[in-house]
Amino acid sequence: MFGLGTPEILVIAFLVILLFGYNKIPELMKGLGTGIKEFKKAAAATHDEDKEQKSSS
C-alpha cells in the first residue's frame, strides 16, 4: 500500500512511544477508535439520506 516494511513500522512505533509515552498510547487509540466509529456512523447516515432522497424523487 504505502511501501512500509518492518523496519519502517518499527521506527514509527518507536517514535510514537518516544513522543507520547507508553502510558498515553491506549488513550490515543481509544480516541482514534471512537473517532472512526463516529465517522462511519455519520457516513452511513448520509448514505441513508441520499437513498431516501433518490427514492422519493
PDB file of N, CA and C in Angstrom:
ATOM      1  N   MET A   1       0.830  -1.185   0.000  1.00  0.00           N
ATOM      2  CA  MET A   1       0.000   0.000   0.000  1.00  0.00           C
ATOM      3  C   MET A   1       0.876   1.250   0.000  1.00  0.00           C
ATOM      4  N   PHE A   2       1.622   1.463   1.051  1.00  0.00           N
ATOM      5  CA  PHE A   2       2.494   2.634   1.121  1.00  0.00           C
ATOM      6  C   PHE A   2       3.961   2.238   1.014  1.00  0.00           C
ATOM      7  N   GLY A   3       4.220   0.966   0.843  1.00  0.00           N
ATOM      8  CA  GLY A   3       5.588   0.500   0.758  1.00  0.00           C
ATOM      9  C   GLY A   3       6.293   0.483   2.103  1.00  0.00           C
ATOM     10  N   LEU A   4       5.517   0.312   3.184  1.00  0.00           N
ATOM     11  CA  LEU A   4       6.116   0.263   4.512  1.00  0.00           C
ATOM     12  C   LEU A   4       6.506  -1.165   4.843  1.00  0.00           C
ATOM     13  N   GLY A   5       7.756  -1.348   5.183  1.00  0.00           N
ATOM     14  CA  GLY A   5       8.234  -2.650   5.607  1.00  0.00           C
ATOM     15  C   GLY A   5       8.374  -2.697   7.115  1.00  0.00           C
ATOM     16  N   THR A   6       8.888  -3.789   7.602  1.00  0.00           N
ATOM     17  CA  THR A   6       9.056  -3.968   9.042  1.00  0.00           C
ATOM     18  C   THR A   6       9.961  -2.899   9.671  1.00  0.00           C
ATOM     19  N   PRO A   7      11.109  -2.583   9.075  1.00  0.00           N
ATOM     20  CA  PRO A   7      11.954  -1.558   9.705  1.00  0.00           C
ATOM     21  C   PRO A   7      11.271  -0.194   9.822  1.00  0.00           C
ATOM     22  N   GLU A   8      10.524   0.186   8.791  1.00  0.00           N
ATOM     23  CA  GLU A   8       9.842   1.474   8.830  1.00  0.00           C
ATOM     24  C   GLU A   8       8.772   1.502   9.910  1.00  0.00           C
ATOM     25  N   ILE A   9       8.016   0.413  10.027  1.00  0.00           N
ATOM     26  CA  ILE A   9       6.970   0.337  11.045  1.00  0.00           C
ATOM     27  C   ILE A   9       7.574   0.375  12.444  1.00  0.00           C
ATOM     28  N   LEU A  10       8.698  -0.292  12.636  1.00  0.00           N
ATOM     29  CA  LEU A  10       9.362  -0.275  13.940  1.00  0.00           C
ATOM     30  C   LEU A  10       9.851   1.134  14.298  1.00  0.00           C
ATOM     31  N   VAL A  11      10.373   1.851  13.326  1.00  0.00           N
ATOM     32  CA  VAL A  11      10.838   3.223  13.572  1.00  0.00           C
ATOM     33  C   VAL A  11       9.657   4.113  13.932  1.00  0.00           C
ATOM     34  N   ILE A  12       8.555   3.967  13.210  1.00  0.00           N
ATOM     35  CA  ILE A  12       7.364   4.772  13.505  1.00  0.00           C
ATOM     36  C   ILE A  12       6.840   4.449  14.902  1.00  0.00           C
ATOM     37  N   ALA A  13       6.770   3.169  15.256  1.00  0.00           N
ATOM     38  CA  ALA A  13       6.303   2.769  16.581  1.00  0.00           C
ATOM     39  C   ALA A  13       7.215   3.337  17.667  1.00  0.00           C
ATOM     40  N   PHE A  14       8.516   3.297  17.441  1.00  0.00           N
ATOM     41  CA  PHE A  14       9.465   3.846  18.412  1.00  0.00           C
ATOM     42  C   PHE A  14       9.263   5.348  18.581  1.00  0.00           C
ATOM     43  N   LEU A  15       9.042   6.051  17.486  1.00  0.00           N
ATOM     44  CA  LEU A  15       8.830   7.497  17.572  1.00  0.00           C
ATOM     45  C   LEU A  15       7.529   7.833  18.300  1.00  0.00           C
ATOM     46  N   VAL A  16       6.487   7.055  18.066  1.00  0.00           N
ATOM     47  CA  VAL A  16       5.217   7.291  18.759  1.00  0.00           C
ATOM     48  C   VAL A  16       5.399   7.091  20.259  1.00  0.00           C
ATOM     49  N   ILE A  17       6.077   6.023  20.639  1.00  0.00           N
ATOM     50  CA  ILE A  17       6.323   5.770  22.062  1.00  0.00           C
ATOM     51  C   ILE A  17       7.182   6.875  22.657  1.00  0.00           C
ATOM     52  N   LEU A  18       8.161   7.312  21.923  1.00  0.00           N
ATOM     53  CA  LEU A  18       9.051   8.375  22.396  1.00  0.00           C
ATOM     54  C   LEU A  18       8.298   9.692  22.569  1.00  0.00           C
ATOM     55  N   LEU A  19       7.426  10.027  21.621  1.00  0.00           N
ATOM     56  CA  LEU A  19       6.716  11.301  21.684  1.00  0.00           C
ATOM     57  C   LEU A  19       5.605  11.314  22.729  1.00  0.00           C
ATOM     58  N   PHE A  20       4.812  10.250  22.789  1.00  0.00           N
ATOM     59  CA  PHE A  20       3.628  10.251  23.638  1.00  0.00           C
ATOM     60  C   PHE A  20       3.795   9.504  24.952  1.00  0.00           C
ATOM     61  N   GLY A  21       4.756   8.642  25.034  1.00  0.00           N
ATOM     62  CA  GLY A  21       4.939   7.868  26.249  1.00  0.00           C
ATOM     63  C   GLY A  21       4.114   6.591  26.215  1.00  0.00           C
ATOM     64  N   TYR A  22       4.597   5.594  26.894  1.00  0.00           N
ATOM     65  CA  TYR A  22       3.984   4.268  26.864  1.00  0.00           C
ATOM     66  C   TYR A  22       2.584   4.275  27.455  1.00  0.00           C
ATOM     67  N   ASN A  23       2.349   5.060  28.501  1.00  0.00           N
ATOM     68  CA  ASN A  23       1.045   5.064  29.178  1.00  0.00           C
ATOM     69  C   ASN A  23      -0.029   5.829  28.417  1.00  0.00           C
ATOM     70  N   LYS A  24       0.351   6.717  27.538  1.00  0.00           N
ATOM     71  CA  LYS A  24      -0.609   7.561  26.822  1.00  0.00           C
ATOM     72  C   LYS A  24      -1.167   6.885  25.565  1.00  0.00           C
ATOM     73  N   ILE A  25      -0.486   5.878  25.042  1.00  0.00           N
ATOM     74  CA  ILE A  25      -0.872   5.243  23.785  1.00  0.00           C
ATOM     75  C   ILE A  25      -2.267   4.613  23.852  1.00  0.00           C
ATOM     76  N   PRO A  26      -2.650   3.882  24.909  1.00  0.00           N
ATOM     77  CA  PRO A  26      -4.016   3.332  24.936  1.00  0.00           C
ATOM     78  C   PRO A  26      -5.102   4.411  24.866  1.00  0.00           C
ATOM     79  N   GLU A  27      -4.865   5.542  25.513  1.00  0.00           N
ATOM     80  CA  GLU A  27      -5.815   6.660  25.441  1.00  0.00           C
ATOM     81  C   GLU A  27      -5.942   7.182  24.018  1.00  0.00           C
ATOM     82  N   LEU A  28      -4.812   7.316  23.340  1.00  0.00           N
ATOM     83  CA  LEU A  28      -4.825   7.798  21.963  1.00  0.00           C
ATOM     84  C   LEU A  28      -5.565   6.834  21.045  1.00  0.00           C
ATOM     85  N   MET A  29      -5.342   5.538  21.226  1.00  0.00           N
ATOM     86  CA  MET A  29      -6.001   4.541  20.386  1.00  0.00           C
ATOM     87  C   MET A  29      -7.508   4.492  20.657  1.00  0.00           C
ATOM     88  N   LYS A  30      -7.892   4.686  21.914  1.00  0.00           N
ATOM     89  CA  LYS A  30      -9.314   4.715  22.253  1.00  0.00           C
ATOM     90  C   LYS A  30      -9.985   5.905  21.578  1.00  0.00           C
ATOM     91  N   GLY A  31      -9.351   7.047  21.611  1.00  0.00           N
ATOM     92  CA  GLY A  31      -9.888   8.235  20.948  1.00  0.00           C
ATOM     93  C   GLY A  31      -9.956   8.059  19.443  1.00  0.00           C
ATOM     94  N   LEU A  32      -8.944   7.427  18.879  1.00  0.00           N
ATOM     95  CA  LEU A  32      -8.937   7.168  17.441  1.00  0.00           C
ATOM     96  C   LEU A  32     -10.072   6.219  17.062  1.00  0.00           C
ATOM     97  N   GLY A  33     -10.280   5.179  17.856  1.00  0.00           N
ATOM     98  CA  GLY A  33     -11.367   4.232  17.600  1.00  0.00           C
ATOM     99  C   GLY A  33     -12.725   4.892  17.696  1.00  0.00           C
ATOM    100  N   THR A  34     -12.905   5.753  18.676  1.00  0.00           N
ATOM    101  CA  THR A  34     -14.168   6.478  18.831  1.00  0.00           C
ATOM    102  C   THR A  34     -14.402   7.395  17.636  1.00  0.00           C
ATOM    103  N   GLY A  35     -13.367   8.060  17.193  1.00  0.00           N
ATOM    104  CA  GLY A  35     -13.483   8.941  16.039  1.00  0.00           C
ATOM    105  C   GLY A  35     -13.846   8.188  14.770  1.00  0.00           C
ATOM    106  N   ILE A  36     -13.237   7.035  14.561  1.00  0.00           N
ATOM    107  CA  ILE A  36     -13.539   6.227  13.377  1.00  0.00           C
ATOM    108  C   ILE A  36     -14.975   5.723  13.428  1.00  0.00           C
ATOM    109  N   LYS A  37     -15.423   5.308  14.620  1.00  0.00           N
ATOM    110  CA  LYS A  37     -16.791   4.815  14.770  1.00  0.00           C
ATOM    111  C   LYS A  37     -17.796   5.928  14.462  1.00  0.00           C
ATOM    112  N   GLU A  38     -17.548   7.134  14.967  1.00  0.00           N
ATOM    113  CA  GLU A  38     -18.441   8.265  14.690  1.00  0.00           C
ATOM    114  C   GLU A  38     -18.440   8.630  13.207  1.00  0.00           C
ATOM    115  N   PHE A  39     -17.277   8.551  12.574  1.00  0.00           N
ATOM    116  CA  PHE A  39     -17.180   8.849  11.147  1.00  0.00           C
ATOM    117  C   PHE A  39     -18.001   7.854  10.333  1.00  0.00           C
ATOM    118  N   LYS A  40     -17.877   6.566  10.650  1.00  0.00           N
ATOM    119  CA  LYS A  40     -18.639   5.545   9.935  1.00  0.00           C
ATOM    120  C   LYS A  40     -20.139   5.727  10.158  1.00  0.00           C
ATOM    121  N   LYS A  41     -20.516   6.089  11.376  1.00  0.00           N
ATOM    122  CA  LYS A  41     -21.929   6.315  11.691  1.00  0.00           C
ATOM    123  C   LYS A  41     -22.473   7.482  10.876  1.00  0.00           C
ATOM    124  N   ALA A  42     -21.723   8.566  10.788  1.00  0.00           N
ATOM    125  CA  ALA A  42     -22.159   9.738  10.024  1.00  0.00           C
ATOM    126  C   ALA A  42     -22.204   9.426   8.526  1.00  0.00           C
ATOM    127  N   ALA A  43     -21.231   8.659   8.047  1.00  0.00           N
ATOM    128  CA  ALA A  43     -21.218   8.297   6.631  1.00  0.00           C
ATOM    129  C   ALA A  43     -22.413   7.422   6.292  1.00  0.00           C
ATOM    130  N   ALA A  44     -22.753   6.491   7.165  1.00  0.00           N
ATOM    131  CA  ALA A  44     -23.913   5.623   6.929  1.00  0.00           C
ATOM    132  C   ALA A  44     -25.197   6.440   6.946  1.00  0.00           C
ATOM    133  N   ALA A  45     -25.305   7.396   7.848  1.00  0.00           N
ATOM    134  CA  ALA A  45     -26.495   8.244   7.916  1.00  0.00           C
ATOM    135  C   ALA A  45     -26.634   9.078   6.646  1.00  0.00           C
ATOM    136  N   THR A  46     -25.535   9.600   6.154  1.00  0.00           N
ATOM    137  CA  THR A  46     -25.556  10.384   4.918  1.00  0.00           C
ATOM    138  C   THR A  46     -25.957   9.509   3.738  1.00  0.00           C
ATOM    139  N   HIS A  47     -25.437   8.282   3.716  1.00  0.00           N
ATOM    140  CA  HIS A  47     -25.765   7.346   2.645  1.00  0.00           C
ATOM    141  C   HIS A  47     -27.254   7.006   2.675  1.00  0.00           C
ATOM    142  N   ASP A  48     -27.793   6.796   3.869  1.00  0.00           N
ATOM    143  CA  ASP A  48     -29.223   6.500   4.008  1.00  0.00           C
ATOM    144  C   ASP A  48     -30.080   7.681   3.551  1.00  0.00           C
ATOM    145  N   GLU A  49     -29.660   8.903   3.899  1.00  0.00           N
ATOM    146  CA  GLU A  49     -30.400  10.095   3.470  1.00  0.00           C
ATOM    147  C   GLU A  49     -30.383  10.228   1.951  1.00  0.00           C
ATOM    148  N   ASP A  50     -29.249   9.931   1.345  1.00  0.00           N
ATOM    149  CA  ASP A  50     -29.151  10.002  -0.110  1.00  0.00           C
ATOM    150  C   ASP A  50     -30.095   9.006  -0.769  1.00  0.00           C
ATOM    151  N   LYS A  51     -30.175   7.789  -0.220  1.00  0.00           N
ATOM    152  CA  LYS A  51     -31.075   6.775  -0.762  1.00  0.00           C
ATOM    153  C   LYS A  51     -32.533   7.225  -0.641  1.00  0.00           C
ATOM    154  N   GLU A  52     -32.882   7.821   0.498  1.00  0.00           N
ATOM    155  CA  GLU A  52     -34.244   8.288   0.696  1.00  0.00           C
ATOM    156  C   GLU A  52     -34.601   9.394  -0.299  1.00  0.00           C
ATOM    157  N   GLN A  53     -33.676  10.304  -0.543  1.00  0.00           N
ATOM    158  CA  GLN A  53     -33.931  11.402  -1.472  1.00  0.00           C
ATOM    159  C   GLN A  53     -34.097  10.877  -2.892  1.00  0.00           C
ATOM    160  N   LYS A  54     -33.298   9.893  -3.289  1.00  0.00           N
ATOM    161  CA  LYS A  54     -33.398   9.348  -4.630  1.00  0.00           C
ATOM    162  C   LYS A  54     -34.683   8.564  -4.820  1.00  0.00           C
ATOM    163  N   SER A  55     -35.117   7.857  -3.786  1.00  0.00           N
ATOM    164  CA  SER A  55     -36.343   7.059  -3.923  1.00  0.00           C
ATOM    165  C   SER A  55     -37.590   7.932  -3.915  1.00  0.00           C
ATOM    166  N   SER A  56     -37.540   9.082  -3.259  1.00  0.00           N
ATOM    167  CA  SER A  56     -38.699   9.960  -3.211  1.00  0.00           C
ATOM    168  C   SER A  56     -38.813  10.854  -4.445  1.00  0.00           C
ATOM    169  N   SER A  57     -37.738  10.933  -5.213  1.00  0.00           N
ATOM    170  CA  SER A  57     -37.748  11.791  -6.417  1.00  0.00           C
ATOM    171  C   SER A  57     -38.440  11.134  -7.575  1.00  0.00           C
TER     172      SER A  57
END
